[in-house]
Amino acid sequence: MDTSQPIVVTSNPPKGGTEKFKGQVLSSNSESMVVRGGANLMLVRTYNFSPSVHAKMLQIIAHGGYRYGDKVEIESETGSNVALNIKGKPSKPHS
């Protein structure tokens, strides 16, 4: 074994693609959303919004927005914290 040369370790990051994260909203505003994992309650992820999702969120917030406990599914690029799409029904605002 030759110890004079460094050992090169290569990792193959996932190739593009998207991932979906299902969970409950902990907090949400026009810039970001904090979501707790549905299957693992200890897993918490914070997502920023892509420009198209940001515009959609402004419309949703105008009608009450997402509230604590709302169930959502967030699609993002693999390994990214930028939401490309959000599915889920926001709570109705209190009267």
C-alpha atoms as a PDB file:
ATOM      1  CA  MET A   1       0.000   0.000   0.000  1.00  0.00           C
ATOM      2  CA  ASP A   2       1.425   3.361  -1.074  1.00  0.00           C
ATOM      3  CA  THR A   3       0.665   6.059   1.521  1.00  0.00           C
ATOM      4  CA  SER A   4       2.573   8.819  -0.255  1.00  0.00           C
ATOM      5  CA  GLN A   5      -0.311   9.572  -2.604  1.00  0.00           C
ATOM      6  CA  PRO A   6      -3.641  11.035  -1.439  1.00  0.00           C
ATOM      7  CA  ILE A   7      -6.728   8.918  -1.658  1.00  0.00           C
ATOM      8  CA  VAL A   8      -9.244  10.447  -4.038  1.00  0.00           C
ATOM      9  CA  VAL A   9     -12.847   9.986  -3.036  1.00  0.00           C
ATOM     10  CA  THR A  10     -15.478  10.821  -5.591  1.00  0.00           C
ATOM     11  CA  SER A  11     -19.131  11.204  -4.866  1.00  0.00           C
ATOM     12  CA  ASN A  12     -21.763  11.104  -7.511  1.00  0.00           C
ATOM     13  CA  PRO A  13     -24.389  13.701  -6.654  1.00  0.00           C
ATOM     14  CA  PRO A  14     -27.894  12.904  -7.829  1.00  0.00           C
ATOM     15  CA  LYS A  15     -28.523  13.930 -11.414  1.00  0.00           C
ATOM     16  CA  GLY A  16     -31.103  16.712 -11.552  1.00  0.00           C
ATOM     17  CA  GLY A  17     -34.643  15.613 -11.120  1.00  0.00           C
ATOM     18  CA  THR A  18     -37.164  16.669  -8.560  1.00  0.00           C
ATOM     19  CA  GLU A  19     -38.268  15.431  -5.174  1.00  0.00           C
ATOM     20  CA  LYS A  20     -41.548  15.801  -3.321  1.00  0.00           C
ATOM     21  CA  PHE A  21     -41.849  16.499   0.389  1.00  0.00           C
ATOM     22  CA  LYS A  22     -45.171  15.942   2.139  1.00  0.00           C
ATOM     23  CA  GLY A  23     -45.829  17.506   5.490  1.00  0.00           C
ATOM     24  CA  GLN A  24     -47.610  20.039   7.665  1.00  0.00           C
ATOM     25  CA  VAL A  25     -47.085  23.780   7.563  1.00  0.00           C
ATOM     26  CA  LEU A  26     -45.459  25.200  10.693  1.00  0.00           C
ATOM     27  CA  SER A  27     -45.287  28.759   9.368  1.00  0.00           C
ATOM     28  CA  SER A  28     -45.619  30.526   6.057  1.00  0.00           C
ATOM     29  CA  ASN A  29     -45.175  34.007   4.624  1.00  0.00           C
ATOM     30  CA  SER A  30     -44.620  35.540   1.194  1.00  0.00           C
ATOM     31  CA  GLU A  31     -40.908  34.604   1.184  1.00  0.00           C
ATOM     32  CA  SER A  32     -40.686  31.130   2.736  1.00  0.00           C
ATOM     33  CA  MET A  33     -42.507  28.173   4.260  1.00  0.00           C
ATOM     34  CA  VAL A  34     -41.438  25.932   7.136  1.00  0.00           C
ATOM     35  CA  VAL A  35     -42.799  22.387   6.846  1.00  0.00           C
ATOM     36  CA  ARG A  36     -42.646  19.435   9.255  1.00  0.00           C
ATOM     37  CA  GLY A  37     -42.370  15.996   7.671  1.00  0.00           C
ATOM     38  CA  GLY A  38     -45.527  13.904   7.591  1.00  0.00           C
ATOM     39  CA  ALA A  39     -43.808  10.578   8.233  1.00  0.00           C
ATOM     40  CA  ASN A  40     -41.019  11.930  10.475  1.00  0.00           C
ATOM     41  CA  LEU A  41     -42.241  14.676  12.807  1.00  0.00           C
ATOM     42  CA  MET A  42     -38.652  15.547  13.762  1.00  0.00           C
ATOM     43  CA  LEU A  43     -37.775  16.458  10.160  1.00  0.00           C
ATOM     44  CA  VAL A  44     -38.306  20.168   9.484  1.00  0.00           C
ATOM     45  CA  ARG A  45     -37.484  21.842   6.174  1.00  0.00           C
ATOM     46  CA  THR A  46     -37.584  25.499   5.170  1.00  0.00           C
ATOM     47  CA  TYR A  47     -38.369  26.337   1.559  1.00  0.00           C
ATOM     48  CA  ASN A  48     -37.892  29.567  -0.341  1.00  0.00           C
ATOM     49  CA  PHE A  49     -40.026  30.126  -3.416  1.00  0.00           C
ATOM     50  CA  SER A  50     -39.174  30.183  -7.107  1.00  0.00           C
ATOM     51  CA  PRO A  51     -40.464  33.318  -8.888  1.00  0.00           C
ATOM     52  CA  SER A  52     -43.567  31.523 -10.197  1.00  0.00           C
ATOM     53  CA  VAL A  53     -44.399  30.056  -6.780  1.00  0.00           C
ATOM     54  CA  HIS A  54     -43.800  33.462  -5.153  1.00  0.00           C
ATOM     55  CA  ALA A  55     -46.452  35.035  -7.404  1.00  0.00           C
ATOM     56  CA  LYS A  56     -48.848  32.169  -6.583  1.00  0.00           C
ATOM     57  CA  MET A  57     -48.160  32.576  -2.841  1.00  0.00           C
ATOM     58  CA  LEU A  58     -48.991  36.282  -2.971  1.00  0.00           C
ATOM     59  CA  GLN A  59     -52.430  35.371  -4.366  1.00  0.00           C
ATOM     60  CA  ILE A  60     -52.923  32.663  -1.725  1.00  0.00           C
ATOM     61  CA  ILE A  61     -51.884  35.032   1.085  1.00  0.00           C
ATOM     62  CA  ALA A  62     -54.387  37.607  -0.184  1.00  0.00           C
ATOM     63  CA  HIS A  63     -57.093  35.008   0.529  1.00  0.00           C
ATOM     64  CA  GLY A  64     -55.805  33.969   3.975  1.00  0.00           C
ATOM     65  CA  GLY A  65     -52.685  31.934   3.159  1.00  0.00           C
ATOM     66  CA  TYR A  66     -51.441  28.661   4.575  1.00  0.00           C
ATOM     67  CA  ARG A  67     -51.775  28.257   8.334  1.00  0.00           C
ATOM     68  CA  TYR A  68     -50.252  26.016  10.983  1.00  0.00           C
ATOM     69  CA  GLY A  69     -51.243  22.407  10.374  1.00  0.00           C
ATOM     70  CA  ASP A  70     -52.238  22.697   6.713  1.00  0.00           C
ATOM     71  CA  LYS A  71     -51.091  19.675   4.717  1.00  0.00           C
ATOM     72  CA  VAL A  72     -48.919  20.414   1.689  1.00  0.00           C
ATOM     73  CA  GLU A  73     -46.758  18.668  -0.875  1.00  0.00           C
ATOM     74  CA  ILE A  74     -43.748  20.665  -2.020  1.00  0.00           C
ATOM     75  CA  GLU A  75     -41.843  19.850  -5.183  1.00  0.00           C
ATOM     76  CA  SER A  76     -38.228  21.002  -5.407  1.00  0.00           C
ATOM     77  CA  GLU A  77     -35.072  20.119  -7.281  1.00  0.00           C
ATOM     78  CA  THR A  78     -33.210  17.271  -5.640  1.00  0.00           C
ATOM     79  CA  GLY A  79     -31.071  18.665  -2.827  1.00  0.00           C
ATOM     80  CA  SER A  80     -32.498  22.191  -3.118  1.00  0.00           C
ATOM     81  CA  ASN A  81     -34.618  24.258  -0.737  1.00  0.00           C
ATOM     82  CA  VAL A  82     -36.365  26.245  -3.496  1.00  0.00           C
ATOM     83  CA  ALA A  83     -39.996  25.226  -3.976  1.00  0.00           C
ATOM     84  CA  LEU A  84     -40.940  24.751  -7.634  1.00  0.00           C
ATOM     85  CA  ASN A  85     -44.559  23.844  -6.898  1.00  0.00           C
ATOM     86  CA  ILE A  86     -46.798  23.665  -3.836  1.00  0.00           C
ATOM     87  CA  LYS A  87     -49.913  21.518  -3.650  1.00  0.00           C
ATOM     88  CA  GLY A  88     -52.354  21.636  -0.786  1.00  0.00           C
ATOM     89  CA  LYS A  89     -55.475  23.420   0.265  1.00  0.00           C
ATOM     90  CA  PRO A  90     -54.989  26.481   2.492  1.00  0.00           C
ATOM     91  CA  SER A  91     -57.201  26.843   5.552  1.00  0.00           C
ATOM     92  CA  LYS A  92     -60.185  29.088   5.320  1.00  0.00           C
ATOM     93  CA  PRO A  93     -59.649  32.417   7.084  1.00  0.00           C
ATOM     94  CA  HIS A  94     -61.449  32.966  10.368  1.00  0.00           C
ATOM     95  CA  SER A  95     -64.533  35.149  10.098  1.00  0.00           C
END
